[in-house]
Amino acid sequence: MAEEKTKPKRASKKTAAAPQAAAGPSKLRLRVLGYDHKVLDQSVKQIIDTALRFDAMIVGPIPLPTDIRKFTVNASSFVYKDAREQFEIRTHKRIVDIVNPTPKIIDALTNLSLPSGVSVDVRMM
């Protein structure tokens, strides 16, 4: 029988502990979309006022490029096929970041009533 030799264990090098991230989300990103830029800006102002009421740190609003969807239709159904009409839908976008949100801020933003035609996407980063 062959005896197995065990290697002596080396002393391991101690590594510095990596800094740990905060337990909660560090940023709340609100992406606000709307067809009318005036109503959209009023909604963003309402969101910012609500967040500032709870002493939140705000970054934005940051305007994003406007999406333009164009639709071309025939002006006449039979005789004047070369006559066309174009319609477009413009989607305006803004981004608002809330740094280190508290549960009170999140609760106040969920209870906020925004006008129709404005949608808000919330993402925690």
Protein backbone atom coordinates (compact mmCIF):
# COMPACT_ATOMS: atom_id res chain seq x y z
CA MET A 1 0.00 0.00 0.00
CA ALA A 2 1.21 3.36 -0.93
CA GLU A 3 0.86 6.07 1.61
CA GLU A 4 -0.46 9.38 0.38
CA LYS A 5 1.62 12.32 1.29
CA THR A 6 -0.20 15.43 2.27
CA LYS A 7 1.24 18.77 1.41
CA PRO A 8 1.68 21.23 4.22
CA LYS A 9 -0.86 24.03 4.01
CA ARG A 10 0.45 27.43 3.16
CA ALA A 11 -0.62 30.49 4.99
CA SER A 12 -3.01 32.34 2.73
CA LYS A 13 -2.53 35.98 1.97
CA LYS A 14 -5.09 38.22 3.57
CA THR A 15 -6.96 40.32 1.04
CA ALA A 16 -8.52 43.64 1.72
CA ALA A 17 -12.29 43.45 2.04
CA ALA A 18 -14.16 45.03 -0.83
CA PRO A 19 -16.45 47.90 0.10
CA GLN A 20 -20.04 46.78 0.16
CA ALA A 21 -22.83 48.58 -1.63
CA ALA A 22 -25.77 50.08 0.20
CA ALA A 23 -28.66 47.74 0.86
CA GLY A 24 -31.34 49.82 -0.88
CA PRO A 25 -31.51 51.24 -4.38
CA SER A 26 -29.17 54.13 -4.91
CA LYS A 27 -31.17 55.75 -7.69
CA LEU A 28 -34.78 55.85 -8.84
CA ARG A 29 -35.08 56.62 -12.56
CA LEU A 30 -38.39 57.98 -13.85
CA ARG A 31 -38.89 57.98 -17.61
CA VAL A 32 -41.83 60.23 -18.47
CA LEU A 33 -43.46 59.94 -21.91
CA GLY A 34 -46.18 62.07 -23.47
CA TYR A 35 -47.60 63.34 -26.74
CA ASP A 36 -48.04 66.99 -25.67
CA HIS A 37 -44.83 68.63 -24.48
CA LYS A 38 -46.62 71.26 -22.37
CA VAL A 39 -48.58 68.66 -20.39
CA LEU A 40 -45.41 66.57 -20.11
CA ASP A 41 -43.42 69.47 -18.64
CA GLN A 42 -46.22 70.20 -16.14
CA SER A 43 -46.21 66.56 -15.06
CA VAL A 44 -42.42 66.55 -14.63
CA LYS A 45 -42.67 69.73 -12.55
CA GLN A 46 -45.33 68.07 -10.39
CA ILE A 47 -43.07 65.01 -9.88
CA ILE A 48 -40.08 67.20 -8.97
CA ASP A 49 -42.14 69.31 -6.54
CA THR A 50 -43.37 66.15 -4.83
CA ALA A 51 -39.84 64.78 -4.48
CA LEU A 52 -38.43 68.10 -3.24
CA ARG A 53 -41.11 68.24 -0.56
CA PHE A 54 -39.35 65.26 1.05
CA ASP A 55 -35.84 66.79 0.61
CA ALA A 56 -34.79 64.46 -2.19
CA MET A 57 -31.81 65.07 -4.44
CA ILE A 58 -33.01 65.42 -8.04
CA VAL A 59 -31.07 65.08 -11.28
CA GLY A 60 -32.95 66.33 -14.31
CA PRO A 61 -35.28 66.65 -16.07
CA ILE A 62 -33.15 65.48 -18.97
CA PRO A 63 -34.87 65.82 -22.36
CA LEU A 64 -34.45 62.85 -24.68
CA PRO A 65 -34.86 62.92 -28.47
CA THR A 66 -38.44 63.08 -29.68
CA ASP A 67 -39.71 60.00 -31.52
CA ILE A 68 -41.61 60.93 -34.69
CA ARG A 69 -43.82 58.26 -36.27
CA LYS A 70 -45.12 59.25 -39.72
CA PHE A 71 -48.09 57.67 -41.45
CA THR A 72 -48.82 58.19 -45.16
CA VAL A 73 -52.32 57.54 -46.49
CA ASN A 74 -54.02 58.02 -49.83
CA ALA A 75 -56.05 61.22 -50.00
CA SER A 76 -58.54 59.59 -52.35
CA SER A 77 -59.46 55.97 -52.63
CA PHE A 78 -59.80 55.55 -56.39
CA VAL A 79 -59.13 58.36 -58.87
CA TYR A 80 -56.35 60.49 -57.35
CA LYS A 81 -53.94 57.79 -56.24
CA ASP A 82 -50.93 60.14 -56.40
CA ALA A 83 -52.45 62.50 -53.82
CA ARG A 84 -51.19 61.55 -50.36
CA GLU A 85 -51.56 62.89 -46.84
CA GLN A 86 -49.03 62.50 -44.05
CA PHE A 87 -49.78 62.37 -40.35
CA GLU A 88 -47.31 62.14 -37.50
CA ILE A 89 -47.28 61.30 -33.83
CA ARG A 90 -44.55 62.88 -31.72
CA THR A 91 -43.57 61.21 -28.46
CA HIS A 92 -41.69 63.53 -26.10
CA LYS A 93 -39.52 62.00 -23.37
CA ARG A 94 -37.88 63.21 -20.16
CA ILE A 95 -35.75 61.43 -17.55
CA VAL A 96 -35.75 62.38 -13.87
CA ASP A 97 -33.35 60.70 -11.42
CA ILE A 98 -33.98 60.69 -7.67
CA VAL A 99 -30.80 59.85 -5.76
CA ASN A 100 -31.18 57.76 -2.57
CA PRO A 101 -34.99 57.73 -2.41
CA THR A 102 -36.74 57.06 0.88
CA PRO A 103 -39.91 54.99 1.24
CA LYS A 104 -41.87 58.21 1.87
CA ILE A 105 -40.79 59.58 -1.53
CA ILE A 106 -41.73 56.35 -3.31
CA ASP A 107 -45.11 56.29 -1.56
CA ALA A 108 -45.80 59.94 -2.47
CA LEU A 109 -44.88 59.32 -6.13
CA THR A 110 -47.16 56.28 -6.41
CA ASN A 111 -50.10 58.30 -5.05
CA LEU A 112 -49.47 61.12 -7.52
CA SER A 113 -52.21 61.59 -10.12
CA LEU A 114 -50.90 62.61 -13.53
CA PRO A 115 -52.98 63.79 -16.51
CA SER A 116 -54.04 61.35 -19.20
CA GLY A 117 -51.62 61.03 -22.08
CA VAL A 118 -48.60 60.96 -19.75
CA SER A 119 -47.00 57.66 -18.78
CA VAL A 120 -44.23 57.08 -16.25
CA ASP A 121 -41.82 54.14 -16.22
CA VAL A 122 -40.06 53.64 -12.90
CA ARG A 123 -36.78 51.75 -12.68
CA MET A 124 -34.57 51.23 -9.63
CA MET A 125 -30.86 51.29 -10.33
